[in-house]
């Protein structure tokens, strides 16, 4: 059974508002509102929402008995397959890494300037 709270949790984890979800999915507001209010939804609608939030479709269902057995076939790792990191979290982490790299570059530049003054 579809668990609306899990959709809301995935939105929260990805830091995505309803308006942003409308924009990303191109699902009609009335349809998306109905889904978020617990109405039955087409699997294609749920797939679109899952893709926008970076989670598997099965994440949204209560009676999920997901198997976490996976074999790396060279195209992706087991860690990537079973990852709990959402797209929104991934974007935030990438931004943080970029910021830290910029900070490190600035520190290196300052060290070089100070070394030249000696």
PDB file of N, CA and C in Angstrom:
ATOM      1  N   UNK A   1       0.836  -1.179   0.000  1.00  0.00           N
ATOM      2  CA  UNK A   1       0.000   0.000   0.000  1.00  0.00           C
ATOM      3  C   UNK A   1       0.884   1.247   0.000  1.00  0.00           C
ATOM      4  N   UNK A   2       0.519   2.227  -0.815  1.00  0.00           N
ATOM      5  CA  UNK A   2       1.271   3.469  -0.932  1.00  0.00           C
ATOM      6  C   UNK A   2       1.240   4.225   0.393  1.00  0.00           C
ATOM      7  N   UNK A   3       2.429   4.645   0.849  1.00  0.00           N
ATOM      8  CA  UNK A   3       2.550   5.387   2.097  1.00  0.00           C
ATOM      9  C   UNK A   3       2.911   6.835   1.762  1.00  0.00           C
ATOM     10  N   UNK A   4       1.944   7.723   1.872  1.00  0.00           N
ATOM     11  CA  UNK A   4       2.134   9.132   1.530  1.00  0.00           C
ATOM     12  C   UNK A   4       3.206   9.768   2.406  1.00  0.00           C
ATOM     13  N   UNK A   5       3.295   9.328   3.655  1.00  0.00           N
ATOM     14  CA  UNK A   5       4.312   9.898   4.557  1.00  0.00           C
ATOM     15  C   UNK A   5       5.719   9.673   4.011  1.00  0.00           C
ATOM     16  N   UNK A   6       5.906   8.549   3.315  1.00  0.00           N
ATOM     17  CA  UNK A   6       7.226   8.272   2.744  1.00  0.00           C
ATOM     18  C   UNK A   6       7.527   9.210   1.574  1.00  0.00           C
ATOM     19  N   UNK A   7       6.515   9.594   0.829  1.00  0.00           N
ATOM     20  CA  UNK A   7       6.714  10.588  -0.232  1.00  0.00           C
ATOM     21  C   UNK A   7       7.102  11.917   0.406  1.00  0.00           C
ATOM     22  N   UNK A   8       6.372  12.297   1.444  1.00  0.00           N
ATOM     23  CA  UNK A   8       6.672  13.552   2.143  1.00  0.00           C
ATOM     24  C   UNK A   8       8.067  13.515   2.760  1.00  0.00           C
ATOM     25  N   UNK A   9       8.473  12.362   3.301  1.00  0.00           N
ATOM     26  CA  UNK A   9       9.804  12.219   3.892  1.00  0.00           C
ATOM     27  C   UNK A   9      10.879  12.354   2.818  1.00  0.00           C
ATOM     28  N   UNK A  10      10.655  11.728   1.668  1.00  0.00           N
ATOM     29  CA  UNK A  10      11.618  11.831   0.569  1.00  0.00           C
ATOM     30  C   UNK A  10      11.724  13.273   0.079  1.00  0.00           C
ATOM     31  N   UNK A  11      10.597  13.985   0.048  1.00  0.00           N
ATOM     32  CA  UNK A  11      10.617  15.402  -0.329  1.00  0.00           C
ATOM     33  C   UNK A  11      11.421  16.201   0.687  1.00  0.00           C
ATOM     34  N   UNK A  12      11.208  15.915   1.950  1.00  0.00           N
ATOM     35  CA  UNK A  12      11.926  16.608   3.017  1.00  0.00           C
ATOM     36  C   UNK A  12      13.423  16.317   2.943  1.00  0.00           C
ATOM     37  N   UNK A  13      13.773  15.048   2.748  1.00  0.00           N
ATOM     38  CA  UNK A  13      15.186  14.663   2.654  1.00  0.00           C
ATOM     39  C   UNK A  13      15.879  15.351   1.484  1.00  0.00           C
ATOM     40  N   UNK A  14      15.155  15.467   0.373  1.00  0.00           N
ATOM     41  CA  UNK A  14      15.716  16.094  -0.824  1.00  0.00           C
ATOM     42  C   UNK A  14      15.563  17.614  -0.799  1.00  0.00           C
ATOM     43  N   UNK A  15      14.902  18.122   0.261  1.00  0.00           N
ATOM     44  CA  UNK A  15      14.650  19.556   0.402  1.00  0.00           C
ATOM     45  C   UNK A  15      13.915  20.100  -0.833  1.00  0.00           C
ATOM     46  N   UNK A  16      12.847  19.375  -1.208  1.00  0.00           N
ATOM     47  CA  UNK A  16      12.039  19.741  -2.364  1.00  0.00           C
ATOM     48  C   UNK A  16      10.632  20.097  -1.882  1.00  0.00           C
ATOM     49  N   UNK A  17      10.157  21.252  -2.299  1.00  0.00           N
ATOM     50  CA  UNK A  17       8.803  21.683  -1.957  1.00  0.00           C
ATOM     51  C   UNK A  17       7.804  21.087  -2.949  1.00  0.00           C
ATOM     52  N   UNK A  18       6.509  21.214  -2.627  1.00  0.00           N
ATOM     53  CA  UNK A  18       5.476  20.750  -3.562  1.00  0.00           C
ATOM     54  C   UNK A  18       5.620  21.460  -4.903  1.00  0.00           C
ATOM     55  N   UNK A  19       5.843  22.766  -4.862  1.00  0.00           N
ATOM     56  CA  UNK A  19       5.968  23.543  -6.100  1.00  0.00           C
ATOM     57  C   UNK A  19       7.135  23.034  -6.946  1.00  0.00           C
ATOM     58  N   UNK A  20       8.255  22.726  -6.296  1.00  0.00           N
ATOM     59  CA  UNK A  20       9.402  22.203  -7.031  1.00  0.00           C
ATOM     60  C   UNK A  20       9.106  20.817  -7.595  1.00  0.00           C
ATOM     61  N   UNK A  21       8.362  20.021  -6.841  1.00  0.00           N
ATOM     62  CA  UNK A  21       8.003  18.689  -7.322  1.00  0.00           C
ATOM     63  C   UNK A  21       7.069  18.792  -8.525  1.00  0.00           C
ATOM     64  N   UNK A  22       6.117  19.734  -8.499  1.00  0.00           N
ATOM     65  CA  UNK A  22       5.252  19.958  -9.662  1.00  0.00           C
ATOM     66  C   UNK A  22       6.120  20.268 -10.881  1.00  0.00           C
ATOM     67  N   UNK A  23       7.063  21.175 -10.679  1.00  0.00           N
ATOM     68  CA  UNK A  23       7.918  21.620 -11.771  1.00  0.00           C
ATOM     69  C   UNK A  23       8.787  20.486 -12.318  1.00  0.00           C
ATOM     70  N   UNK A  24       9.375  19.704 -11.435  1.00  0.00           N
ATOM     71  CA  UNK A  24      10.271  18.619 -11.863  1.00  0.00           C
ATOM     72  C   UNK A  24       9.539  17.476 -12.542  1.00  0.00           C
ATOM     73  N   UNK A  25       8.336  17.182 -12.086  1.00  0.00           N
ATOM     74  CA  UNK A  25       7.624  16.005 -12.588  1.00  0.00           C
ATOM     75  C   UNK A  25       6.685  16.316 -13.742  1.00  0.00           C
ATOM     76  N   UNK A  26       6.266  17.561 -13.867  1.00  0.00           N
ATOM     77  CA  UNK A  26       5.272  17.954 -14.872  1.00  0.00           C
ATOM     78  C   UNK A  26       3.944  17.227 -14.667  1.00  0.00           C
ATOM     79  N   UNK A  27       3.714  16.747 -13.442  1.00  0.00           N
ATOM     80  CA  UNK A  27       2.437  16.124 -13.084  1.00  0.00           C
ATOM     81  C   UNK A  27       1.478  17.256 -12.718  1.00  0.00           C
ATOM     82  N   UNK A  28       0.244  17.143 -13.159  1.00  0.00           N
ATOM     83  CA  UNK A  28      -0.758  18.174 -12.854  1.00  0.00           C
ATOM     84  C   UNK A  28      -0.864  18.359 -11.343  1.00  0.00           C
ATOM     85  N   UNK A  29      -1.011  19.605 -10.928  1.00  0.00           N
ATOM     86  CA  UNK A  29      -1.123  19.904  -9.490  1.00  0.00           C
ATOM     87  C   UNK A  29      -2.233  19.102  -8.838  1.00  0.00           C
ATOM     88  N   UNK A  30      -3.369  19.015  -9.511  1.00  0.00           N
ATOM     89  CA  UNK A  30      -4.500  18.290  -8.922  1.00  0.00           C
ATOM     90  C   UNK A  30      -4.163  16.816  -8.716  1.00  0.00           C
ATOM     91  N   UNK A  31      -3.449  16.241  -9.678  1.00  0.00           N
ATOM     92  CA  UNK A  31      -3.057  14.831  -9.565  1.00  0.00           C
ATOM     93  C   UNK A  31      -2.074  14.648  -8.420  1.00  0.00           C
ATOM     94  N   UNK A  32      -1.054  15.505  -8.374  1.00  0.00           N
ATOM     95  CA  UNK A  32      -0.043  15.387  -7.325  1.00  0.00           C
ATOM     96  C   UNK A  32      -0.653  15.645  -5.951  1.00  0.00           C
ATOM     97  N   UNK A  33      -1.525  16.633  -5.856  1.00  0.00           N
ATOM     98  CA  UNK A  33      -2.202  16.897  -4.581  1.00  0.00           C
ATOM     99  C   UNK A  33      -3.043  15.699  -4.152  1.00  0.00           C
ATOM    100  N   UNK A  34      -3.722  15.081  -5.112  1.00  0.00           N
ATOM    101  CA  UNK A  34      -4.544  13.908  -4.798  1.00  0.00           C
ATOM    102  C   UNK A  34      -3.673  12.767  -4.274  1.00  0.00           C
ATOM    103  N   UNK A  35      -2.532  12.543  -4.915  1.00  0.00           N
ATOM    104  CA  UNK A  35      -1.610  11.490  -4.459  1.00  0.00           C
ATOM    105  C   UNK A  35      -1.127  11.800  -3.047  1.00  0.00           C
ATOM    106  N   UNK A  36      -0.733  13.052  -2.815  1.00  0.00           N
ATOM    107  CA  UNK A  36      -0.224  13.442  -1.500  1.00  0.00           C
ATOM    108  C   UNK A  36      -1.313  13.427  -0.427  1.00  0.00           C
ATOM    109  N   UNK A  37      -2.570  13.428  -0.856  1.00  0.00           N
ATOM    110  CA  UNK A  37      -3.687  13.329   0.089  1.00  0.00           C
ATOM    111  C   UNK A  37      -4.179  11.903   0.253  1.00  0.00           C
ATOM    112  N   UNK A  38      -3.485  10.951  -0.372  1.00  0.00           N
ATOM    113  CA  UNK A  38      -3.804   9.547  -0.162  1.00  0.00           C
ATOM    114  C   UNK A  38      -4.666   8.877  -1.206  1.00  0.00           C
ATOM    115  N   UNK A  39      -4.975   9.570  -2.291  1.00  0.00           N
ATOM    116  CA  UNK A  39      -5.778   8.951  -3.356  1.00  0.00           C
ATOM    117  C   UNK A  39      -4.950   7.914  -4.103  1.00  0.00           C
ATOM    118  N   UNK A  40      -5.641   6.992  -4.749  1.00  0.00           N
ATOM    119  CA  UNK A  40      -4.957   6.005  -5.579  1.00  0.00           C
ATOM    120  C   UNK A  40      -4.238   6.717  -6.714  1.00  0.00           C
ATOM    121  N   UNK A  41      -3.106   6.151  -7.117  1.00  0.00           N
ATOM    122  CA  UNK A  41      -2.321   6.770  -8.178  1.00  0.00           C
ATOM    123  C   UNK A  41      -1.851   5.711  -9.162  1.00  0.00           C
ATOM    124  N   UNK A  42      -1.665   6.132 -10.397  1.00  0.00           N
ATOM    125  CA  UNK A  42      -1.103   5.251 -11.413  1.00  0.00           C
ATOM    126  C   UNK A  42       0.355   4.982 -11.062  1.00  0.00           C
ATOM    127  N   UNK A  43       0.833   3.806 -11.426  1.00  0.00           N
ATOM    128  CA  UNK A  43       2.229   3.475 -11.147  1.00  0.00           C
ATOM    129  C   UNK A  43       3.159   4.414 -11.911  1.00  0.00           C
ATOM    130  N   UNK A  44       2.747   4.865 -13.093  1.00  0.00           N
ATOM    131  CA  UNK A  44       3.587   5.795 -13.859  1.00  0.00           C
ATOM    132  C   UNK A  44       3.758   7.115 -13.107  1.00  0.00           C
ATOM    133  N   UNK A  45       2.718   7.542 -12.408  1.00  0.00           N
ATOM    134  CA  UNK A  45       2.805   8.766 -11.600  1.00  0.00           C
ATOM    135  C   UNK A  45       3.765   8.558 -10.435  1.00  0.00           C
ATOM    136  N   UNK A  46       3.657   7.411  -9.791  1.00  0.00           N
ATOM    137  CA  UNK A  46       4.542   7.109  -8.663  1.00  0.00           C
ATOM    138  C   UNK A  46       5.984   6.979  -9.143  1.00  0.00           C
ATOM    139  N   UNK A  47       6.188   6.376 -10.312  1.00  0.00           N
ATOM    140  CA  UNK A  47       7.537   6.259 -10.882  1.00  0.00           C
ATOM    141  C   UNK A  47       8.129   7.637 -11.152  1.00  0.00           C
ATOM    142  N   UNK A  48       7.325   8.527 -11.694  1.00  0.00           N
ATOM    143  CA  UNK A  48       7.791   9.885 -11.987  1.00  0.00           C
ATOM    144  C   UNK A  48       8.192  10.609 -10.704  1.00  0.00           C
ATOM    145  N   UNK A  49       7.389  10.465  -9.669  1.00  0.00           N
ATOM    146  CA  UNK A  49       7.701  11.088  -8.376  1.00  0.00           C
ATOM    147  C   UNK A  49       8.981  10.486  -7.801  1.00  0.00           C
ATOM    148  N   UNK A  50       9.095   9.171  -7.847  1.00  0.00           N
ATOM    149  CA  UNK A  50      10.285   8.492  -7.319  1.00  0.00           C
ATOM    150  C   UNK A  50      11.538   8.956  -8.046  1.00  0.00           C
ATOM    151  N   UNK A  51      11.469   9.052  -9.370  1.00  0.00           N
ATOM    152  CA  UNK A  51      12.626   9.511 -10.143  1.00  0.00           C
ATOM    153  C   UNK A  51      13.013  10.938  -9.771  1.00  0.00           C
ATOM    154  N   UNK A  52      12.030  11.795  -9.589  1.00  0.00           N
ATOM    155  CA  UNK A  52      12.302  13.191  -9.224  1.00  0.00           C
ATOM    156  C   UNK A  52      12.938  13.298  -7.843  1.00  0.00           C
ATOM    157  N   UNK A  53      12.600  12.363  -6.955  1.00  0.00           N
ATOM    158  CA  UNK A  53      13.118  12.404  -5.582  1.00  0.00           C
ATOM    159  C   UNK A  53      14.345  11.519  -5.391  1.00  0.00           C
ATOM    160  N   UNK A  54      14.705  10.766  -6.426  1.00  0.00           N
ATOM    161  CA  UNK A  54      15.907   9.940  -6.352  1.00  0.00           C
ATOM    162  C   UNK A  54      15.773   8.723  -5.459  1.00  0.00           C
ATOM    163  N   UNK A  55      14.586   8.161  -5.405  1.00  0.00           N
ATOM    164  CA  UNK A  55      14.360   6.959  -4.598  1.00  0.00           C
ATOM    165  C   UNK A  55      13.700   5.900  -5.471  1.00  0.00           C
ATOM    166  N   UNK A  56      13.848   4.625  -5.105  1.00  0.00           N
ATOM    167  CA  UNK A  56      13.149   3.585  -5.862  1.00  0.00           C
ATOM    168  C   UNK A  56      11.646   3.637  -5.577  1.00  0.00           C
ATOM    169  N   UNK A  57      10.856   3.192  -6.529  1.00  0.00           N
ATOM    170  CA  UNK A  57       9.400   3.177  -6.371  1.00  0.00           C
ATOM    171  C   UNK A  57       9.011   2.389  -5.127  1.00  0.00           C
ATOM    172  N   UNK A  58       9.696   1.306  -4.871  1.00  0.00           N
ATOM    173  CA  UNK A  58       9.363   0.439  -3.730  1.00  0.00           C
ATOM    174  C   UNK A  58       9.481   1.160  -2.391  1.00  0.00           C
ATOM    175  N   UNK A  59      10.251   2.238  -2.336  1.00  0.00           N
ATOM    176  CA  UNK A  59      10.423   3.006  -1.104  1.00  0.00           C
ATOM    177  C   UNK A  59       9.085   3.514  -0.567  1.00  0.00           C
ATOM    178  N   UNK A  60       8.150   3.805  -1.470  1.00  0.00           N
ATOM    179  CA  UNK A  60       6.880   4.408  -1.085  1.00  0.00           C
ATOM    180  C   UNK A  60       5.838   3.418  -0.575  1.00  0.00           C
ATOM    181  N   UNK A  61       6.161   2.145  -0.535  1.00  0.00           N
ATOM    182  CA  UNK A  61       5.171   1.142  -0.157  1.00  0.00           C
ATOM    183  C   UNK A  61       5.505   0.508   1.181  1.00  0.00           C
ATOM    184  N   UNK A  62       4.450   0.315   2.013  1.00  0.00           N
ATOM    185  CA  UNK A  62       4.619  -0.248   3.351  1.00  0.00           C
ATOM    186  C   UNK A  62       4.999  -1.713   3.338  1.00  0.00           C
ATOM    187  N   UNK A  63       4.323  -2.497   2.536  1.00  0.00           N
ATOM    188  CA  UNK A  63       4.557  -3.930   2.560  1.00  0.00           C
ATOM    189  C   UNK A  63       5.760  -4.309   1.707  1.00  0.00           C
ATOM    190  N   UNK A  64       6.739  -3.484   1.811  1.00  0.00           N
ATOM    191  CA  UNK A  64       7.977  -3.676   1.069  1.00  0.00           C
ATOM    192  C   UNK A  64       8.821  -4.732   1.768  1.00  0.00           C
ATOM    193  N   UNK A  65       9.230  -5.710   1.024  1.00  0.00           N
ATOM    194  CA  UNK A  65      10.172  -6.693   1.530  1.00  0.00           C
ATOM    195  C   UNK A  65      11.326  -6.729   0.550  1.00  0.00           C
ATOM    196  N   UNK A  66      12.050  -5.641   0.546  1.00  0.00           N
ATOM    197  CA  UNK A  66      13.121  -5.489  -0.429  1.00  0.00           C
ATOM    198  C   UNK A  66      14.293  -6.386  -0.093  1.00  0.00           C
ATOM    199  N   UNK A  67      14.803  -6.955  -1.109  1.00  0.00           N
ATOM    200  CA  UNK A  67      16.005  -7.769  -0.964  1.00  0.00           C
ATOM    201  C   UNK A  67      17.202  -6.869  -1.204  1.00  0.00           C
ATOM    202  N   UNK A  68      18.143  -6.946  -0.327  1.00  0.00           N
ATOM    203  CA  UNK A  68      19.332  -6.124  -0.480  1.00  0.00           C
ATOM    204  C   UNK A  68      20.503  -6.945  -0.992  1.00  0.00           C
ATOM    205  N   UNK A  69      20.202  -8.051  -1.643  1.00  0.00           N
ATOM    206  CA  UNK A  69      21.248  -8.841  -2.262  1.00  0.00           C
ATOM    207  C   UNK A  69      21.523  -8.258  -3.632  1.00  0.00           C
ATOM    208  N   UNK A  70      22.762  -7.923  -3.884  1.00  0.00           N
ATOM    209  CA  UNK A  70      23.117  -7.362  -5.176  1.00  0.00           C
ATOM    210  C   UNK A  70      24.508  -7.826  -5.553  1.00  0.00           C
ATOM    211  N   UNK A  71      24.723  -7.895  -6.822  1.00  0.00           N
ATOM    212  CA  UNK A  71      26.026  -8.304  -7.325  1.00  0.00           C
ATOM    213  C   UNK A  71      26.545  -7.177  -8.198  1.00  0.00           C
ATOM    214  N   UNK A  72      27.763  -6.746  -7.940  1.00  0.00           N
ATOM    215  CA  UNK A  72      28.363  -5.717  -8.772  1.00  0.00           C
ATOM    216  C   UNK A  72      28.753  -6.361 -10.091  1.00  0.00           C
ATOM    217  N   UNK A  73      28.314  -5.768 -11.192  1.00  0.00           N
ATOM    218  CA  UNK A  73      28.590  -6.344 -12.499  1.00  0.00           C
ATOM    219  C   UNK A  73      29.582  -5.521 -13.300  1.00  0.00           C
ATOM    220  N   UNK A  74      30.235  -4.595 -12.672  1.00  0.00           N
ATOM    221  CA  UNK A  74      31.192  -3.757 -13.372  1.00  0.00           C
ATOM    222  C   UNK A  74      30.598  -2.424 -13.790  1.00  0.00           C
ATOM    223  N   UNK A  75      29.289  -2.350 -13.887  1.00  0.00           N
ATOM    224  CA  UNK A  75      28.642  -1.102 -14.277  1.00  0.00           C
ATOM    225  C   UNK A  75      28.313  -0.234 -13.072  1.00  0.00           C
ATOM    226  N   UNK A  76      28.100  -0.863 -11.933  1.00  0.00           N
ATOM    227  CA  UNK A  76      27.830  -0.117 -10.712  1.00  0.00           C
ATOM    228  C   UNK A  76      28.188  -0.993  -9.531  1.00  0.00           C
ATOM    229  N   UNK A  77      28.439  -0.356  -8.418  1.00  0.00           N
ATOM    230  CA  UNK A  77      28.837  -1.107  -7.234  1.00  0.00           C
ATOM    231  C   UNK A  77      27.620  -1.459  -6.393  1.00  0.00           C
ATOM    232  N   UNK A  78      27.794  -2.415  -5.518  1.00  0.00           N
ATOM    233  CA  UNK A  78      26.729  -2.793  -4.597  1.00  0.00           C
ATOM    234  C   UNK A  78      26.372  -1.600  -3.723  1.00  0.00           C
ATOM    235  N   UNK A  79      27.372  -0.825  -3.312  1.00  0.00           N
ATOM    236  CA  UNK A  79      27.113   0.355  -2.482  1.00  0.00           C
ATOM    237  C   UNK A  79      26.225   1.349  -3.222  1.00  0.00           C
ATOM    238  N   UNK A  80      26.451   1.518  -4.512  1.00  0.00           N
ATOM    239  CA  UNK A  80      25.636   2.454  -5.289  1.00  0.00           C
ATOM    240  C   UNK A  80      24.204   1.950  -5.416  1.00  0.00           C
ATOM    241  N   UNK A  81      24.046   0.652  -5.543  1.00  0.00           N
ATOM    242  CA  UNK A  81      22.715   0.070  -5.698  1.00  0.00           C
ATOM    243  C   UNK A  81      21.910   0.225  -4.416  1.00  0.00           C
ATOM    244  N   UNK A  82      22.539   0.024  -3.266  1.00  0.00           N
ATOM    245  CA  UNK A  82      21.839   0.043  -1.988  1.00  0.00           C
ATOM    246  C   UNK A  82      21.969   1.368  -1.252  1.00  0.00           C
ATOM    247  N   UNK A  83      22.395   2.395  -1.922  1.00  0.00           N
ATOM    248  CA  UNK A  83      22.638   3.678  -1.281  1.00  0.00           C
ATOM    249  C   UNK A  83      21.350   4.307  -0.776  1.00  0.00           C
ATOM    250  N   UNK A  84      21.436   4.944   0.384  1.00  0.00           N
ATOM    251  CA  UNK A  84      20.296   5.659   0.946  1.00  0.00           C
ATOM    252  C   UNK A  84      20.409   7.159   0.703  1.00  0.00           C
ATOM    253  N   UNK A  85      21.438   7.579  -0.030  1.00  0.00           N
ATOM    254  CA  UNK A  85      21.637   8.992  -0.295  1.00  0.00           C
ATOM    255  C   UNK A  85      20.700   9.415  -1.417  1.00  0.00           C
ATOM    256  N   UNK A  86      19.886  10.411  -1.165  1.00  0.00           N
ATOM    257  CA  UNK A  86      18.952  10.891  -2.177  1.00  0.00           C
ATOM    258  C   UNK A  86      19.643  11.888  -3.090  1.00  0.00           C
ATOM    259  N   UNK A  87      18.991  12.208  -4.178  1.00  0.00           N
ATOM    260  CA  UNK A  87      19.541  13.155  -5.135  1.00  0.00           C
ATOM    261  C   UNK A  87      19.783  14.501  -4.463  1.00  0.00           C
ATOM    262  N   UNK A  88      18.826  14.947  -3.668  1.00  0.00           N
ATOM    263  CA  UNK A  88      18.979  16.229  -2.981  1.00  0.00           C
ATOM    264  C   UNK A  88      20.167  16.239  -2.044  1.00  0.00           C
ATOM    265  N   UNK A  89      20.357  15.146  -1.321  1.00  0.00           N
ATOM    266  CA  UNK A  89      21.505  15.053  -0.427  1.00  0.00           C
ATOM    267  C   UNK A  89      22.791  15.039  -1.233  1.00  0.00           C
ATOM    268  N   UNK A  90      22.780  14.362  -2.371  1.00  0.00           N
ATOM    269  CA  UNK A  90      23.960  14.280  -3.212  1.00  0.00           C
ATOM    270  C   UNK A  90      24.347  15.667  -3.724  1.00  0.00           C
ATOM    271  N   UNK A  91      23.383  16.457  -4.145  1.00  0.00           N
ATOM    272  CA  UNK A  91      23.642  17.809  -4.625  1.00  0.00           C
ATOM    273  C   UNK A  91      24.243  18.655  -3.510  1.00  0.00           C
ATOM    274  N   UNK A  92      23.692  18.545  -2.308  1.00  0.00           N
ATOM    275  CA  UNK A  92      24.225  19.306  -1.175  1.00  0.00           C
ATOM    276  C   UNK A  92      25.659  18.904  -0.867  1.00  0.00           C
ATOM    277  N   UNK A  93      25.939  17.608  -0.917  1.00  0.00           N
ATOM    278  CA  UNK A  93      27.295  17.134  -0.654  1.00  0.00           C
ATOM    279  C   UNK A  93      28.265  17.618  -1.726  1.00  0.00           C
ATOM    280  N   UNK A  94      27.836  17.613  -2.987  1.00  0.00           N
ATOM    281  CA  UNK A  94      28.689  18.106  -4.067  1.00  0.00           C
ATOM    282  C   UNK A  94      28.991  19.591  -3.889  1.00  0.00           C
ATOM    283  N   UNK A  95      27.988  20.364  -3.477  1.00  0.00           N
ATOM    284  CA  UNK A  95      28.197  21.792  -3.230  1.00  0.00           C
ATOM    285  C   UNK A  95      29.171  22.002  -2.077  1.00  0.00           C
ATOM    286  N   UNK A  96      29.054  21.193  -1.046  1.00  0.00           N
ATOM    287  CA  UNK A  96      29.946  21.305   0.106  1.00  0.00           C
ATOM    288  C   UNK A  96      31.379  20.967  -0.294  1.00  0.00           C
ATOM    289  N   UNK A  97      31.558  19.925  -1.089  1.00  0.00           N
ATOM    290  CA  UNK A  97      32.895  19.546  -1.562  1.00  0.00           C
ATOM    291  C   UNK A  97      33.489  20.674  -2.396  1.00  0.00           C
ATOM    292  N   UNK A  98      32.687  21.255  -3.293  1.00  0.00           N
ATOM    293  CA  UNK A  98      33.166  22.356  -4.129  1.00  0.00           C
ATOM    294  C   UNK A  98      33.611  23.527  -3.258  1.00  0.00           C
ATOM    295  N   UNK A  99      32.796  23.861  -2.249  1.00  0.00           N
ATOM    296  CA  UNK A  99      33.142  24.958  -1.340  1.00  0.00           C
ATOM    297  C   UNK A  99      34.455  24.663  -0.613  1.00  0.00           C
ATOM    298  N   UNK A 100      34.612  23.441  -0.124  1.00  0.00           N
ATOM    299  CA  UNK A 100      35.835  23.080   0.595  1.00  0.00           C
ATOM    300  C   UNK A 100      37.051  23.097  -0.322  1.00  0.00           C
ATOM    301  N   UNK A 101      36.881  22.688  -1.574  1.00  0.00           N
ATOM    302  CA  UNK A 101      37.983  22.745  -2.536  1.00  0.00           C
ATOM    303  C   UNK A 101      38.391  24.189  -2.799  1.00  0.00           C
ATOM    304  N   UNK A 102      37.403  25.083  -2.916  1.00  0.00           N
ATOM    305  CA  UNK A 102      37.696  26.501  -3.114  1.00  0.00           C
ATOM    306  C   UNK A 102      38.415  27.073  -1.898  1.00  0.00           C
ATOM    307  N   UNK A 103      37.988  26.688  -0.718  1.00  0.00           N
ATOM    308  CA  UNK A 103      38.618  27.145   0.517  1.00  0.00           C
ATOM    309  C   UNK A 103      40.063  26.668   0.591  1.00  0.00           C
ATOM    310  N   UNK A 104      40.289  25.425   0.231  1.00  0.00           N
ATOM    311  CA  UNK A 104      41.638  24.864   0.230  1.00  0.00           C
ATOM    312  C   UNK A 104      42.523  25.590  -0.779  1.00  0.00           C
ATOM    313  N   UNK A 105      41.997  25.877  -1.957  1.00  0.00           N
ATOM    314  CA  UNK A 105      42.767  26.597  -2.977  1.00  0.00           C
ATOM    315  C   UNK A 105      43.149  27.987  -2.473  1.00  0.00           C
ATOM    316  N   UNK A 106      42.232  28.662  -1.795  1.00  0.00           N
ATOM    317  CA  UNK A 106      42.526  29.990  -1.247  1.00  0.00           C
ATOM    318  C   UNK A 106      43.598  29.909  -0.164  1.00  0.00           C
ATOM    319  N   UNK A 107      43.539  28.900   0.676  1.00  0.00           N
ATOM    320  CA  UNK A 107      44.566  28.729   1.714  1.00  0.00           C
ATOM    321  C   UNK A 107      45.926  28.475   1.082  1.00  0.00           C
ATOM    322  N   UNK A 108      45.958  27.652   0.045  1.00  0.00           N
ATOM    323  CA  UNK A 108      47.218  27.379  -0.654  1.00  0.00           C
ATOM    324  C   UNK A 108      47.779  28.664  -1.259  1.00  0.00           C
ATOM    325  N   UNK A 109      46.912  29.490  -1.830  1.00  0.00           N
ATOM    326  CA  UNK A 109      47.350  30.758  -2.411  1.00  0.00           C
ATOM    327  C   UNK A 109      47.933  31.670  -1.338  1.00  0.00           C
ATOM    328  N   UNK A 110      47.265  31.741  -0.179  1.00  0.00           N
ATOM    329  CA  UNK A 110      47.765  32.579   0.913  1.00  0.00           C
ATOM    330  C   UNK A 110      49.103  32.076   1.442  1.00  0.00           C
ATOM    331  N   UNK A 111      49.252  30.779   1.551  1.00  0.00           N
ATOM    332  CA  UNK A 111      50.528  30.208   1.995  1.00  0.00           C
ATOM    333  C   UNK A 111      51.630  30.589   1.021  1.00  0.00           C
ATOM    334  N   UNK A 112      51.337  30.502  -0.271  1.00  0.00           N
ATOM    335  CA  UNK A 112      52.331  30.851  -1.290  1.00  0.00           C
ATOM    336  C   UNK A 112      52.719  32.321  -1.173  1.00  0.00           C
ATOM    337  N   UNK A 113      51.741  33.205  -0.975  1.00  0.00           N
ATOM    338  CA  UNK A 113      52.013  34.640  -0.823  1.00  0.00           C
ATOM    339  C   UNK A 113      52.881  34.882   0.406  1.00  0.00           C
ATOM    340  N   UNK A 114      52.567  34.249   1.514  1.00  0.00           N
ATOM    341  CA  UNK A 114      53.337  34.428   2.745  1.00  0.00           C
ATOM    342  C   UNK A 114      54.753  33.873   2.603  1.00  0.00           C
ATOM    343  N   UNK A 115      54.905  32.785   1.896  1.00  0.00           N
ATOM    344  CA  UNK A 115      56.236  32.197   1.691  1.00  0.00           C
ATOM    345  C   UNK A 115      57.099  33.106   0.819  1.00  0.00           C
ATOM    346  N   UNK A 116      56.498  33.792  -0.135  1.00  0.00           N
ATOM    347  CA  UNK A 116      57.243  34.696  -1.014  1.00  0.00           C
ATOM    348  C   UNK A 116      57.701  35.944  -0.276  1.00  0.00           C
ATOM    349  N   UNK A 117      57.009  36.332   0.793  1.00  0.00           N
ATOM    350  CA  UNK A 117      57.369  37.526   1.560  1.00  0.00           C
ATOM    351  C   UNK A 117      58.625  37.313   2.385  1.00  0.00           C
ATOM    352  N   UNK A 118      58.974  36.070   2.683  1.00  0.00           N
ATOM    353  CA  UNK A 118      60.150  35.795   3.524  1.00  0.00           C
ATOM    354  C   UNK A 118      61.413  36.038   2.812  1.00  0.00           C
TER     355      UNK A 118
END
